[in-house]
N, C-alpha and C. Protein backbone atom coordinates (compact mmCIF):
# COMPACT_ATOMS: atom_id res chain seq x y z
N MET A 1 0.85 -1.16 0.00
CA MET A 1 0.00 0.00 0.00
C MET A 1 0.90 1.24 0.00
N PHE A 2 0.45 2.26 -0.71
CA PHE A 2 1.25 3.48 -0.87
C PHE A 2 0.41 4.71 -0.54
N ILE A 3 1.09 5.72 -0.04
CA ILE A 3 0.47 7.01 0.25
C ILE A 3 1.11 8.04 -0.68
N ALA A 4 0.27 8.76 -1.41
CA ALA A 4 0.76 9.85 -2.26
C ALA A 4 0.38 11.17 -1.59
N LEU A 5 1.35 12.04 -1.46
CA LEU A 5 1.14 13.35 -0.86
C LEU A 5 1.55 14.40 -1.88
N MET A 6 0.65 15.31 -2.16
CA MET A 6 0.94 16.40 -3.09
C MET A 6 0.68 17.71 -2.35
N SER A 7 1.65 18.60 -2.38
CA SER A 7 1.43 19.94 -1.84
C SER A 7 1.65 20.94 -2.96
N PHE A 8 0.81 21.98 -2.97
CA PHE A 8 0.90 22.93 -4.07
C PHE A 8 0.37 24.29 -3.63
N GLU A 9 0.79 25.30 -4.37
CA GLU A 9 0.31 26.66 -4.17
C GLU A 9 -0.62 27.01 -5.31
N MET A 10 -1.71 27.67 -4.97
CA MET A 10 -2.65 28.14 -5.98
C MET A 10 -2.73 29.65 -5.83
N HIS A 11 -2.34 30.36 -6.88
CA HIS A 11 -2.42 31.82 -6.88
C HIS A 11 -3.78 32.22 -7.45
N VAL A 12 -4.44 33.13 -6.76
CA VAL A 12 -5.78 33.59 -7.16
C VAL A 12 -5.68 35.09 -7.42
N PRO A 13 -5.25 35.46 -8.64
CA PRO A 13 -4.98 36.86 -8.92
C PRO A 13 -6.20 37.77 -8.86
N GLY A 14 -7.39 37.27 -9.12
CA GLY A 14 -8.57 38.13 -9.13
C GLY A 14 -9.23 38.31 -7.78
N ALA A 15 -8.69 37.68 -6.75
CA ALA A 15 -9.32 37.75 -5.43
C ALA A 15 -9.14 39.13 -4.82
N GLU A 16 -10.25 39.70 -4.35
CA GLU A 16 -10.20 41.00 -3.70
C GLU A 16 -10.39 40.89 -2.19
N SER A 17 -10.65 39.67 -1.73
CA SER A 17 -10.82 39.44 -0.30
C SER A 17 -10.50 37.98 0.00
N ILE A 18 -10.36 37.68 1.28
CA ILE A 18 -10.15 36.29 1.71
C ILE A 18 -11.35 35.44 1.27
N LYS A 19 -12.52 36.03 1.32
CA LYS A 19 -13.73 35.32 0.92
C LYS A 19 -13.66 34.88 -0.55
N ASP A 20 -13.15 35.75 -1.42
CA ASP A 20 -12.99 35.40 -2.83
C ASP A 20 -12.01 34.23 -2.98
N LYS A 21 -10.89 34.31 -2.26
CA LYS A 21 -9.91 33.23 -2.33
C LYS A 21 -10.50 31.92 -1.83
N ARG A 22 -11.22 31.96 -0.73
CA ARG A 22 -11.79 30.73 -0.15
C ARG A 22 -12.83 30.10 -1.08
N ARG A 23 -13.53 30.93 -1.86
CA ARG A 23 -14.48 30.40 -2.83
C ARG A 23 -13.75 29.54 -3.86
N VAL A 24 -12.60 30.03 -4.34
CA VAL A 24 -11.80 29.28 -5.31
C VAL A 24 -11.22 28.03 -4.65
N VAL A 25 -10.71 28.17 -3.44
CA VAL A 25 -10.14 27.03 -2.72
C VAL A 25 -11.19 25.95 -2.51
N ARG A 26 -12.37 26.35 -2.10
CA ARG A 26 -13.45 25.36 -1.89
C ARG A 26 -13.79 24.65 -3.20
N SER A 27 -13.81 25.40 -4.30
CA SER A 27 -14.09 24.80 -5.61
C SER A 27 -13.02 23.76 -5.96
N VAL A 28 -11.76 24.10 -5.74
CA VAL A 28 -10.65 23.16 -6.01
C VAL A 28 -10.80 21.92 -5.14
N LYS A 29 -10.98 22.12 -3.85
CA LYS A 29 -11.09 21.00 -2.92
C LYS A 29 -12.25 20.08 -3.28
N ASP A 30 -13.41 20.67 -3.50
CA ASP A 30 -14.60 19.86 -3.79
C ASP A 30 -14.45 19.08 -5.09
N ARG A 31 -13.93 19.72 -6.12
CA ARG A 31 -13.81 19.04 -7.41
C ARG A 31 -12.78 17.91 -7.36
N LEU A 32 -11.63 18.18 -6.74
CA LEU A 32 -10.61 17.12 -6.65
C LEU A 32 -11.12 15.95 -5.83
N HIS A 33 -11.81 16.23 -4.74
CA HIS A 33 -12.35 15.15 -3.92
C HIS A 33 -13.39 14.35 -4.70
N ARG A 34 -14.28 15.04 -5.38
CA ARG A 34 -15.35 14.38 -6.12
C ARG A 34 -14.81 13.55 -7.29
N GLU A 35 -13.86 14.10 -8.03
CA GLU A 35 -13.40 13.44 -9.26
C GLU A 35 -12.28 12.44 -9.04
N HIS A 36 -11.51 12.58 -7.95
CA HIS A 36 -10.34 11.71 -7.76
C HIS A 36 -10.33 10.98 -6.42
N GLN A 37 -11.34 11.21 -5.59
CA GLN A 37 -11.42 10.56 -4.28
C GLN A 37 -10.16 10.77 -3.45
N VAL A 38 -9.71 12.01 -3.37
CA VAL A 38 -8.54 12.38 -2.56
C VAL A 38 -9.00 13.29 -1.43
N SER A 39 -8.22 13.34 -0.38
CA SER A 39 -8.48 14.27 0.72
C SER A 39 -7.65 15.52 0.48
N VAL A 40 -8.28 16.69 0.58
CA VAL A 40 -7.61 17.95 0.29
C VAL A 40 -7.85 18.91 1.45
N ALA A 41 -6.80 19.65 1.83
CA ALA A 41 -6.93 20.64 2.89
C ALA A 41 -6.09 21.87 2.56
N GLU A 42 -6.59 23.03 2.97
CA GLU A 42 -5.79 24.25 2.88
C GLU A 42 -4.87 24.27 4.09
N VAL A 43 -3.57 24.34 3.86
CA VAL A 43 -2.60 24.18 4.94
C VAL A 43 -1.64 25.35 5.12
N ALA A 44 -1.64 26.30 4.19
CA ALA A 44 -0.69 27.42 4.29
C ALA A 44 -1.30 28.67 3.67
N PHE A 45 -0.73 29.80 4.02
CA PHE A 45 -1.15 31.11 3.51
C PHE A 45 -2.62 31.38 3.82
N LEU A 46 -3.07 30.99 4.99
CA LEU A 46 -4.48 31.10 5.34
C LEU A 46 -4.97 32.55 5.36
N ASP A 47 -4.11 33.49 5.68
CA ASP A 47 -4.52 34.89 5.76
C ASP A 47 -4.20 35.69 4.51
N SER A 48 -3.64 35.05 3.50
CA SER A 48 -3.32 35.74 2.26
C SER A 48 -4.56 35.81 1.38
N MET A 49 -4.75 36.94 0.71
CA MET A 49 -5.90 37.08 -0.19
C MET A 49 -5.64 36.46 -1.55
N SER A 50 -4.37 36.30 -1.93
CA SER A 50 -4.11 35.90 -3.31
C SER A 50 -3.39 34.56 -3.46
N VAL A 51 -2.98 33.93 -2.36
CA VAL A 51 -2.26 32.65 -2.46
C VAL A 51 -2.85 31.67 -1.46
N ALA A 52 -3.04 30.43 -1.91
CA ALA A 52 -3.50 29.35 -1.03
C ALA A 52 -2.49 28.22 -1.10
N GLY A 53 -2.13 27.69 0.04
CA GLY A 53 -1.28 26.51 0.10
C GLY A 53 -2.15 25.31 0.43
N LEU A 54 -2.18 24.34 -0.46
CA LEU A 54 -3.03 23.17 -0.26
C LEU A 54 -2.21 21.89 -0.27
N ALA A 55 -2.76 20.87 0.35
CA ALA A 55 -2.13 19.55 0.34
C ALA A 55 -3.22 18.53 0.11
N LEU A 56 -2.87 17.48 -0.62
CA LEU A 56 -3.83 16.39 -0.81
C LEU A 56 -3.12 15.07 -0.60
N VAL A 57 -3.89 14.08 -0.26
CA VAL A 57 -3.34 12.75 -0.01
C VAL A 57 -4.29 11.71 -0.57
N LEU A 58 -3.70 10.62 -1.06
CA LEU A 58 -4.48 9.47 -1.50
C LEU A 58 -3.73 8.21 -1.13
N VAL A 59 -4.47 7.15 -0.95
CA VAL A 59 -3.89 5.86 -0.60
C VAL A 59 -4.31 4.87 -1.66
N ASN A 60 -3.34 4.06 -2.13
CA ASN A 60 -3.63 3.05 -3.13
C ASN A 60 -2.64 1.91 -2.99
N ARG A 61 -3.00 0.76 -3.48
CA ARG A 61 -2.09 -0.39 -3.40
C ARG A 61 -1.02 -0.37 -4.48
N ASP A 62 -1.18 0.51 -5.48
CA ASP A 62 -0.26 0.56 -6.61
C ASP A 62 0.40 1.95 -6.70
N ALA A 63 1.72 2.00 -6.54
CA ALA A 63 2.44 3.27 -6.56
C ALA A 63 2.33 3.96 -7.91
N ALA A 64 2.39 3.19 -9.00
CA ALA A 64 2.30 3.78 -10.33
C ALA A 64 0.94 4.43 -10.55
N TYR A 65 -0.11 3.79 -10.07
CA TYR A 65 -1.44 4.37 -10.19
C TYR A 65 -1.54 5.66 -9.37
N ALA A 66 -1.01 5.64 -8.15
CA ALA A 66 -1.04 6.84 -7.30
C ALA A 66 -0.31 7.99 -7.98
N ARG A 67 0.85 7.70 -8.60
CA ARG A 67 1.59 8.74 -9.32
C ARG A 67 0.79 9.27 -10.51
N SER A 68 0.12 8.36 -11.23
CA SER A 68 -0.66 8.79 -12.39
C SER A 68 -1.83 9.68 -11.98
N VAL A 69 -2.46 9.37 -10.86
CA VAL A 69 -3.53 10.23 -10.36
C VAL A 69 -2.97 11.61 -10.03
N CYS A 70 -1.81 11.65 -9.36
CA CYS A 70 -1.19 12.94 -9.03
C CYS A 70 -0.83 13.71 -10.30
N ASP A 71 -0.35 13.02 -11.32
CA ASP A 71 -0.03 13.69 -12.59
C ASP A 71 -1.28 14.28 -13.24
N ARG A 72 -2.38 13.53 -13.21
CA ARG A 72 -3.64 14.04 -13.78
C ARG A 72 -4.13 15.25 -13.00
N ILE A 73 -4.00 15.19 -11.68
CA ILE A 73 -4.42 16.32 -10.84
C ILE A 73 -3.56 17.55 -11.13
N ALA A 74 -2.25 17.35 -11.27
CA ALA A 74 -1.35 18.47 -11.58
C ALA A 74 -1.72 19.12 -12.91
N ALA A 75 -2.05 18.30 -13.91
CA ALA A 75 -2.45 18.85 -15.21
C ALA A 75 -3.76 19.63 -15.08
N LYS A 76 -4.69 19.11 -14.29
CA LYS A 76 -5.96 19.79 -14.09
C LYS A 76 -5.75 21.12 -13.38
N LEU A 77 -4.87 21.13 -12.36
CA LEU A 77 -4.60 22.37 -11.63
C LEU A 77 -3.91 23.40 -12.50
N ALA A 78 -3.03 22.95 -13.39
CA ALA A 78 -2.32 23.88 -14.28
C ALA A 78 -3.29 24.59 -15.23
N ALA A 79 -4.42 23.96 -15.53
CA ALA A 79 -5.40 24.55 -16.44
C ALA A 79 -6.59 25.15 -15.69
N TRP A 80 -6.49 25.29 -14.38
CA TRP A 80 -7.62 25.79 -13.59
C TRP A 80 -7.96 27.21 -14.02
N PRO A 81 -9.22 27.48 -14.35
CA PRO A 81 -9.57 28.80 -14.90
C PRO A 81 -9.53 29.95 -13.90
N GLU A 82 -9.76 29.68 -12.62
CA GLU A 82 -9.85 30.77 -11.64
C GLU A 82 -8.55 31.00 -10.88
N GLY A 83 -7.53 30.21 -11.15
CA GLY A 83 -6.28 30.36 -10.42
C GLY A 83 -5.09 29.92 -11.25
N ARG A 84 -3.93 30.16 -10.70
CA ARG A 84 -2.68 29.81 -11.39
C ARG A 84 -1.87 28.92 -10.45
N LEU A 85 -1.46 27.78 -10.95
CA LEU A 85 -0.68 26.83 -10.15
C LEU A 85 0.71 27.38 -9.90
N GLY A 86 1.13 27.36 -8.64
CA GLY A 86 2.48 27.77 -8.28
C GLY A 86 3.35 26.55 -8.01
N ALA A 87 4.12 26.60 -6.95
CA ALA A 87 5.01 25.49 -6.60
C ALA A 87 4.19 24.23 -6.32
N LEU A 88 4.74 23.10 -6.76
CA LEU A 88 4.05 21.82 -6.58
C LEU A 88 5.09 20.75 -6.26
N SER A 89 4.80 19.91 -5.29
CA SER A 89 5.67 18.76 -5.02
C SER A 89 4.81 17.54 -4.75
N THR A 90 5.30 16.39 -5.20
CA THR A 90 4.58 15.13 -5.04
C THR A 90 5.54 14.09 -4.49
N GLU A 91 5.05 13.30 -3.55
CA GLU A 91 5.85 12.22 -2.98
C GLU A 91 4.94 11.01 -2.82
N VAL A 92 5.43 9.84 -3.23
CA VAL A 92 4.71 8.59 -3.04
C VAL A 92 5.58 7.70 -2.18
N VAL A 93 5.05 7.27 -1.05
CA VAL A 93 5.85 6.45 -0.11
C VAL A 93 5.08 5.19 0.26
N PRO A 94 5.80 4.10 0.46
CA PRO A 94 5.13 2.88 0.93
C PRO A 94 4.72 3.03 2.39
N VAL A 95 3.55 2.53 2.72
CA VAL A 95 3.06 2.61 4.10
C VAL A 95 4.03 1.92 5.05
N ALA A 96 4.64 0.82 4.62
CA ALA A 96 5.55 0.07 5.48
C ALA A 96 6.71 0.94 5.95
N SER A 97 7.13 1.90 5.15
CA SER A 97 8.24 2.76 5.56
C SER A 97 7.83 3.72 6.67
N LEU A 98 6.53 3.98 6.79
CA LEU A 98 6.06 4.89 7.83
C LEU A 98 5.99 4.22 9.19
N ALA A 99 5.73 2.93 9.21
CA ALA A 99 5.57 2.22 10.48
C ALA A 99 6.84 2.28 11.31
N SER A 100 8.00 2.34 10.67
CA SER A 100 9.25 2.38 11.43
C SER A 100 9.47 3.73 12.10
N GLU A 101 8.68 4.73 11.74
CA GLU A 101 8.85 6.05 12.34
C GLU A 101 8.16 6.18 13.69
N PHE A 102 7.40 5.17 14.12
CA PHE A 102 6.70 5.23 15.38
C PHE A 102 7.56 4.68 16.51
N VAL A 103 8.76 5.24 16.63
CA VAL A 103 9.69 4.82 17.67
C VAL A 103 10.23 6.06 18.37
N ASP A 104 10.69 5.88 19.60
CA ASP A 104 11.28 7.00 20.33
C ASP A 104 12.75 7.15 19.96
N ASP A 105 13.46 8.04 20.64
CA ASP A 105 14.86 8.32 20.33
C ASP A 105 15.77 7.11 20.52
N GLN A 106 15.36 6.18 21.37
CA GLN A 106 16.18 4.98 21.61
C GLN A 106 15.76 3.82 20.71
N GLY A 107 14.81 4.03 19.79
CA GLY A 107 14.40 2.98 18.87
C GLY A 107 13.32 2.06 19.42
N ARG A 108 12.77 2.39 20.59
CA ARG A 108 11.70 1.57 21.17
C ARG A 108 10.36 1.99 20.57
N SER A 109 9.47 1.03 20.38
CA SER A 109 8.15 1.30 19.83
C SER A 109 7.37 2.22 20.77
N LEU A 110 6.63 3.15 20.19
CA LEU A 110 5.81 4.05 20.98
C LEU A 110 4.53 3.39 21.46
N TRP A 111 4.13 2.27 20.85
CA TRP A 111 2.87 1.61 21.17
C TRP A 111 3.15 0.17 21.56
N ASP A 112 2.38 -0.34 22.52
CA ASP A 112 2.45 -1.76 22.86
C ASP A 112 1.04 -2.24 23.19
N GLU A 113 0.92 -3.47 23.58
CA GLU A 113 -0.40 -4.05 23.83
C GLU A 113 -1.16 -3.33 24.95
N SER A 114 -0.47 -2.73 25.90
CA SER A 114 -1.15 -2.03 26.99
C SER A 114 -1.89 -0.78 26.49
N ASP A 115 -1.55 -0.29 25.30
CA ASP A 115 -2.21 0.88 24.73
C ASP A 115 -3.48 0.52 23.97
N ARG A 116 -3.73 -0.76 23.77
CA ARG A 116 -4.90 -1.20 23.01
C ARG A 116 -6.17 -0.93 23.80
N ARG A 117 -7.25 -0.52 23.12
CA ARG A 117 -8.53 -0.27 23.76
C ARG A 117 -9.15 -1.59 24.22
N GLU A 118 -9.95 -1.49 25.27
CA GLU A 118 -10.70 -2.65 25.73
C GLU A 118 -11.79 -2.95 24.71
N PRO A 119 -12.14 -4.23 24.54
CA PRO A 119 -13.23 -4.54 23.61
C PRO A 119 -14.55 -3.96 24.11
N ALA A 120 -15.46 -3.75 23.19
CA ALA A 120 -16.77 -3.19 23.53
C ALA A 120 -17.52 -4.15 24.45
N PRO A 121 -18.24 -3.61 25.43
CA PRO A 121 -19.04 -4.48 26.29
C PRO A 121 -20.12 -5.17 25.45
N THR A 122 -20.36 -6.42 25.74
CA THR A 122 -21.41 -7.14 25.01
C THR A 122 -22.73 -6.95 25.73
N SER A 123 -23.80 -7.04 24.96
CA SER A 123 -25.12 -6.90 25.57
C SER A 123 -25.93 -8.15 25.24
N GLU A 124 -26.94 -8.38 26.04
CA GLU A 124 -27.83 -9.51 25.81
C GLU A 124 -28.72 -9.17 24.61
N VAL A 125 -29.26 -10.20 23.99
CA VAL A 125 -30.16 -10.00 22.86
C VAL A 125 -31.34 -9.15 23.31
N GLY A 126 -31.65 -8.11 22.57
CA GLY A 126 -32.76 -7.23 22.90
C GLY A 126 -32.36 -6.05 23.76
N ASP A 127 -31.17 -6.09 24.40
CA ASP A 127 -30.72 -4.96 25.22
C ASP A 127 -30.23 -3.84 24.32
N GLU A 128 -30.27 -2.63 24.83
CA GLU A 128 -29.69 -1.49 24.15
C GLU A 128 -28.17 -1.61 24.23
N PRO A 129 -27.45 -1.14 23.22
CA PRO A 129 -25.98 -1.17 23.31
C PRO A 129 -25.51 -0.35 24.50
N LYS A 130 -24.48 -0.84 25.16
CA LYS A 130 -23.92 -0.12 26.30
C LYS A 130 -22.98 0.97 25.80
N ALA A 131 -22.81 2.02 26.62
CA ALA A 131 -21.89 3.09 26.25
C ALA A 131 -20.48 2.54 26.23
N GLY A 132 -19.66 3.08 25.39
CA GLY A 132 -18.26 2.65 25.31
C GLY A 132 -17.84 2.47 23.87
N PRO A 133 -16.62 2.01 23.66
CA PRO A 133 -16.13 1.84 22.29
C PRO A 133 -16.98 0.83 21.53
N GLY A 134 -17.30 1.15 20.30
CA GLY A 134 -18.06 0.24 19.45
C GLY A 134 -17.14 -0.76 18.79
N PRO A 135 -17.69 -1.61 17.94
CA PRO A 135 -16.89 -2.67 17.33
C PRO A 135 -15.78 -2.15 16.44
N GLU A 136 -15.93 -0.97 15.85
CA GLU A 136 -14.89 -0.42 15.00
C GLU A 136 -14.03 0.59 15.74
N GLY A 137 -14.17 0.69 17.06
CA GLY A 137 -13.39 1.65 17.83
C GLY A 137 -14.08 2.99 17.99
N TYR A 138 -15.29 3.14 17.40
CA TYR A 138 -16.02 4.38 17.58
C TYR A 138 -16.67 4.37 18.95
N PHE A 139 -16.80 5.50 19.55
CA PHE A 139 -17.34 5.58 20.89
C PHE A 139 -18.85 5.78 20.83
N ARG A 140 -19.58 4.92 21.55
CA ARG A 140 -21.03 5.06 21.62
C ARG A 140 -21.38 6.04 22.74
N PRO A 141 -22.29 6.98 22.49
CA PRO A 141 -22.68 7.90 23.56
C PRO A 141 -23.51 7.17 24.61
N GLN A 142 -23.53 7.72 25.82
CA GLN A 142 -24.35 7.14 26.87
C GLN A 142 -25.81 7.45 26.57
N PRO A 143 -26.70 6.50 26.88
CA PRO A 143 -28.14 6.74 26.60
C PRO A 143 -28.71 7.81 27.51
């Protein structure tokens, strides 16, 4: 499995306010998410009226496919009618390489079995679910 991370700047020359810039940013984010199933966030230049720093990420089992999606997105951004693409960088990394980063300065794992959540309490047939972590780790509110 691979994670592709793309960070880029979008210049919005016609923006006269932060609101104008955010309209363009929202359009970029929504369209990329809808058409490519990527997660996109504005991460830099939040107070600038004319520049937005964005980052997107996607996960796929095939590195070549992840790169091709990033290439298609870059081409789409370069032709964006309401903005001008600035600096862009793309990195595709295997997920396995990230797991080794969860260690402290001495190389010991940051997580062990004692950090694991308790399983969800079971209920009798017909009972309401009890408060606590659900089967997927989501927390159920108290009734």
